[in-house]
Amino acid sequence: MLTIRISVAWIIAALSLGVIALVFLIGQPFMAKAQEPKRFQYRIVEVLPDTQNMQTRLNEYGASGWELVAVPMGSMTEPRLIFKK
């Protein structure tokens, strides 16, 4: 009777370890994919300093999937729109 209990315990332990190993092996591709660094593209666009021109360019790039991230002033008269995608 004691031998049967020990055998059942070993079978349960072996099955548990097998399931854990299987989950670990199946989960590896998902873990590696989640750790890949994101890649961005950047675009710098100089625009005339009037509101209508800036708004037109912002709408054009926004419709193409670009996101505005900064607006530094070039030579203090021409703003630069920096987009990333």
N, C-alpha and C. Protein backbone atom coordinates (compact mmCIF):
# COMPACT_ATOMS: atom_id res chain seq x y z
N MET A 1 0.83 -1.20 0.00
CA MET A 1 0.00 0.00 0.00
C MET A 1 0.87 1.26 0.00
N LEU A 2 1.92 1.24 0.81
CA LEU A 2 2.83 2.37 0.88
C LEU A 2 3.57 2.54 -0.44
N THR A 3 3.91 1.45 -1.10
CA THR A 3 4.60 1.49 -2.38
C THR A 3 3.71 2.11 -3.44
N ILE A 4 2.44 1.82 -3.42
CA ILE A 4 1.50 2.38 -4.40
C ILE A 4 1.38 3.88 -4.20
N ARG A 5 1.31 4.36 -2.95
CA ARG A 5 1.21 5.79 -2.67
C ARG A 5 2.46 6.53 -3.15
N ILE A 6 3.61 5.93 -2.94
CA ILE A 6 4.86 6.56 -3.37
C ILE A 6 4.91 6.61 -4.90
N SER A 7 4.48 5.57 -5.56
CA SER A 7 4.48 5.54 -7.02
C SER A 7 3.53 6.59 -7.59
N VAL A 8 2.36 6.73 -7.02
CA VAL A 8 1.40 7.74 -7.46
C VAL A 8 1.98 9.14 -7.26
N ALA A 9 2.65 9.36 -6.14
CA ALA A 9 3.26 10.66 -5.88
C ALA A 9 4.33 10.97 -6.92
N TRP A 10 5.15 9.97 -7.29
CA TRP A 10 6.18 10.18 -8.31
C TRP A 10 5.57 10.45 -9.68
N ILE A 11 4.49 9.77 -9.99
CA ILE A 11 3.82 10.00 -11.28
C ILE A 11 3.26 11.42 -11.34
N ILE A 12 2.63 11.87 -10.26
CA ILE A 12 2.07 13.23 -10.21
C ILE A 12 3.19 14.26 -10.31
N ALA A 13 4.31 14.02 -9.61
CA ALA A 13 5.45 14.94 -9.66
C ALA A 13 6.04 15.00 -11.07
N ALA A 14 6.18 13.87 -11.72
CA ALA A 14 6.74 13.83 -13.07
C ALA A 14 5.82 14.53 -14.06
N LEU A 15 4.51 14.30 -13.95
CA LEU A 15 3.56 14.98 -14.82
C LEU A 15 3.57 16.49 -14.60
N SER A 16 3.67 16.91 -13.37
CA SER A 16 3.72 18.34 -13.05
C SER A 16 4.96 18.99 -13.66
N LEU A 17 6.11 18.34 -13.50
CA LEU A 17 7.34 18.87 -14.09
C LEU A 17 7.26 18.90 -15.62
N GLY A 18 6.63 17.89 -16.20
CA GLY A 18 6.46 17.86 -17.64
C GLY A 18 5.59 19.01 -18.13
N VAL A 19 4.52 19.29 -17.42
CA VAL A 19 3.63 20.40 -17.79
C VAL A 19 4.37 21.73 -17.65
N ILE A 20 5.12 21.90 -16.58
CA ILE A 20 5.89 23.14 -16.38
C ILE A 20 6.91 23.31 -17.49
N ALA A 21 7.61 22.25 -17.85
CA ALA A 21 8.60 22.32 -18.93
C ALA A 21 7.92 22.66 -20.25
N LEU A 22 6.77 22.09 -20.52
CA LEU A 22 6.04 22.36 -21.75
C LEU A 22 5.60 23.82 -21.82
N VAL A 23 5.08 24.34 -20.73
CA VAL A 23 4.66 25.74 -20.69
C VAL A 23 5.87 26.65 -20.89
N PHE A 24 6.98 26.33 -20.30
CA PHE A 24 8.20 27.12 -20.45
C PHE A 24 8.68 27.12 -21.90
N LEU A 25 8.67 25.96 -22.54
CA LEU A 25 9.14 25.87 -23.92
C LEU A 25 8.19 26.57 -24.89
N ILE A 26 6.91 26.46 -24.67
CA ILE A 26 5.93 27.10 -25.55
C ILE A 26 5.97 28.62 -25.35
N GLY A 27 6.22 29.08 -24.15
CA GLY A 27 6.23 30.51 -23.85
C GLY A 27 7.47 31.23 -24.32
N GLN A 28 8.54 30.54 -24.67
CA GLN A 28 9.80 31.16 -25.08
C GLN A 28 9.65 32.10 -26.29
N PRO A 29 9.01 31.70 -27.37
CA PRO A 29 8.90 32.63 -28.51
C PRO A 29 8.16 33.91 -28.16
N PHE A 30 7.16 33.83 -27.30
CA PHE A 30 6.40 35.02 -26.91
C PHE A 30 7.24 35.94 -26.05
N MET A 31 8.06 35.38 -25.18
CA MET A 31 8.91 36.20 -24.32
C MET A 31 9.98 36.90 -25.15
N ALA A 32 10.57 36.22 -26.10
CA ALA A 32 11.61 36.82 -26.93
C ALA A 32 11.03 37.93 -27.80
N LYS A 33 9.83 37.76 -28.29
CA LYS A 33 9.21 38.76 -29.14
C LYS A 33 8.86 40.01 -28.35
N ALA A 34 8.44 39.86 -27.12
CA ALA A 34 8.06 41.00 -26.30
C ALA A 34 9.26 41.85 -25.91
N GLN A 35 10.46 41.29 -25.95
CA GLN A 35 11.64 42.02 -25.53
C GLN A 35 12.36 42.71 -26.69
N GLU A 36 11.86 42.59 -27.91
CA GLU A 36 12.49 43.25 -29.05
C GLU A 36 12.35 44.76 -28.90
N PRO A 37 13.40 45.51 -29.19
CA PRO A 37 13.30 46.96 -29.07
C PRO A 37 12.40 47.54 -30.16
N LYS A 38 11.69 48.59 -29.80
CA LYS A 38 10.84 49.25 -30.78
C LYS A 38 11.72 50.06 -31.72
N ARG A 39 11.32 50.12 -32.96
CA ARG A 39 12.07 50.89 -33.95
C ARG A 39 11.18 52.04 -34.44
N PHE A 40 11.75 53.22 -34.43
CA PHE A 40 11.02 54.40 -34.86
C PHE A 40 11.70 55.03 -36.06
N GLN A 41 10.93 55.73 -36.85
CA GLN A 41 11.45 56.58 -37.92
C GLN A 41 11.20 58.02 -37.47
N TYR A 42 12.10 58.91 -37.81
CA TYR A 42 11.93 60.31 -37.47
C TYR A 42 11.99 61.15 -38.75
N ARG A 43 11.27 62.24 -38.75
CA ARG A 43 11.28 63.16 -39.88
C ARG A 43 11.28 64.58 -39.34
N ILE A 44 12.18 65.41 -39.86
CA ILE A 44 12.26 66.82 -39.46
C ILE A 44 11.81 67.65 -40.65
N VAL A 45 10.82 68.52 -40.40
CA VAL A 45 10.24 69.33 -41.47
C VAL A 45 10.32 70.80 -41.06
N GLU A 46 10.96 71.62 -41.88
CA GLU A 46 10.97 73.06 -41.63
C GLU A 46 9.75 73.67 -42.32
N VAL A 47 9.04 74.52 -41.59
CA VAL A 47 7.82 75.14 -42.13
C VAL A 47 7.91 76.65 -41.98
N LEU A 48 7.10 77.34 -42.75
CA LEU A 48 7.00 78.79 -42.60
C LEU A 48 6.27 79.08 -41.29
N PRO A 49 6.58 80.18 -40.64
CA PRO A 49 6.02 80.42 -39.30
C PRO A 49 4.59 80.96 -39.29
N ASP A 50 3.78 80.63 -40.29
CA ASP A 50 2.37 81.06 -40.22
C ASP A 50 1.49 79.87 -39.83
N THR A 51 0.44 80.17 -39.15
CA THR A 51 -0.43 79.14 -38.57
C THR A 51 -1.04 78.24 -39.62
N GLN A 52 -1.51 78.80 -40.72
CA GLN A 52 -2.17 77.99 -41.75
C GLN A 52 -1.20 76.97 -42.35
N ASN A 53 0.02 77.40 -42.65
CA ASN A 53 1.01 76.50 -43.22
C ASN A 53 1.36 75.38 -42.24
N MET A 54 1.56 75.73 -40.98
CA MET A 54 1.89 74.71 -39.97
C MET A 54 0.74 73.72 -39.81
N GLN A 55 -0.48 74.22 -39.78
CA GLN A 55 -1.64 73.35 -39.60
C GLN A 55 -1.79 72.39 -40.78
N THR A 56 -1.55 72.88 -41.98
CA THR A 56 -1.64 72.03 -43.17
C THR A 56 -0.62 70.90 -43.09
N ARG A 57 0.64 71.23 -42.76
CA ARG A 57 1.69 70.22 -42.66
C ARG A 57 1.40 69.23 -41.54
N LEU A 58 0.92 69.72 -40.39
CA LEU A 58 0.59 68.82 -39.28
C LEU A 58 -0.50 67.83 -39.69
N ASN A 59 -1.52 68.31 -40.38
CA ASN A 59 -2.60 67.43 -40.83
C ASN A 59 -2.11 66.41 -41.86
N GLU A 60 -1.22 66.84 -42.76
CA GLU A 60 -0.68 65.92 -43.77
C GLU A 60 0.08 64.77 -43.11
N TYR A 61 0.99 65.11 -42.22
CA TYR A 61 1.81 64.08 -41.58
C TYR A 61 0.98 63.24 -40.59
N GLY A 62 0.05 63.87 -39.91
CA GLY A 62 -0.81 63.11 -39.00
C GLY A 62 -1.66 62.09 -39.72
N ALA A 63 -2.15 62.45 -40.91
CA ALA A 63 -2.95 61.51 -41.70
C ALA A 63 -2.12 60.34 -42.20
N SER A 64 -0.80 60.55 -42.32
CA SER A 64 0.09 59.48 -42.78
C SER A 64 0.63 58.63 -41.63
N GLY A 65 0.17 58.89 -40.42
CA GLY A 65 0.58 58.07 -39.28
C GLY A 65 1.76 58.62 -38.50
N TRP A 66 2.22 59.84 -38.80
CA TRP A 66 3.32 60.45 -38.07
C TRP A 66 2.79 61.15 -36.83
N GLU A 67 3.56 61.12 -35.76
CA GLU A 67 3.20 61.78 -34.50
C GLU A 67 4.19 62.91 -34.23
N LEU A 68 3.67 64.10 -33.93
CA LEU A 68 4.51 65.24 -33.63
C LEU A 68 5.13 65.05 -32.25
N VAL A 69 6.46 65.17 -32.15
CA VAL A 69 7.12 64.97 -30.86
C VAL A 69 7.82 66.22 -30.34
N ALA A 70 8.16 67.17 -31.23
CA ALA A 70 8.83 68.39 -30.78
C ALA A 70 8.70 69.48 -31.84
N VAL A 71 8.82 70.74 -31.39
CA VAL A 71 8.79 71.88 -32.30
C VAL A 71 9.90 72.86 -31.87
N PRO A 72 11.16 72.55 -32.20
CA PRO A 72 12.22 73.50 -31.88
C PRO A 72 12.26 74.61 -32.95
N MET A 73 12.82 75.74 -32.58
CA MET A 73 12.97 76.84 -33.53
C MET A 73 14.34 76.72 -34.20
N GLY A 74 14.36 76.71 -35.53
CA GLY A 74 15.61 76.59 -36.27
C GLY A 74 16.48 77.81 -36.09
N SER A 75 16.31 78.77 -36.94
CA SER A 75 17.10 80.00 -36.85
C SER A 75 16.28 81.10 -36.17
N MET A 76 15.48 80.72 -35.23
CA MET A 76 14.60 81.60 -34.46
C MET A 76 13.47 82.21 -35.29
N THR A 77 13.41 81.87 -36.57
CA THR A 77 12.31 82.37 -37.40
C THR A 77 11.56 81.24 -38.08
N GLU A 78 12.19 80.07 -38.23
CA GLU A 78 11.55 78.95 -38.91
C GLU A 78 11.41 77.78 -37.95
N PRO A 79 10.19 77.46 -37.57
CA PRO A 79 10.02 76.31 -36.68
C PRO A 79 10.29 74.99 -37.42
N ARG A 80 10.78 74.03 -36.69
CA ARG A 80 10.99 72.68 -37.23
C ARG A 80 10.02 71.75 -36.54
N LEU A 81 9.31 70.99 -37.32
CA LEU A 81 8.38 70.01 -36.78
C LEU A 81 9.10 68.66 -36.80
N ILE A 82 9.21 68.02 -35.66
CA ILE A 82 9.86 66.72 -35.58
C ILE A 82 8.78 65.68 -35.33
N PHE A 83 8.68 64.74 -36.26
CA PHE A 83 7.68 63.68 -36.20
C PHE A 83 8.36 62.33 -35.99
N LYS A 84 7.62 61.40 -35.42
CA LYS A 84 8.11 60.01 -35.34
C LYS A 84 6.98 59.08 -35.73
N LYS A 85 7.37 57.93 -36.22
CA LYS A 85 6.39 56.91 -36.66
C LYS A 85 6.87 55.58 -36.19
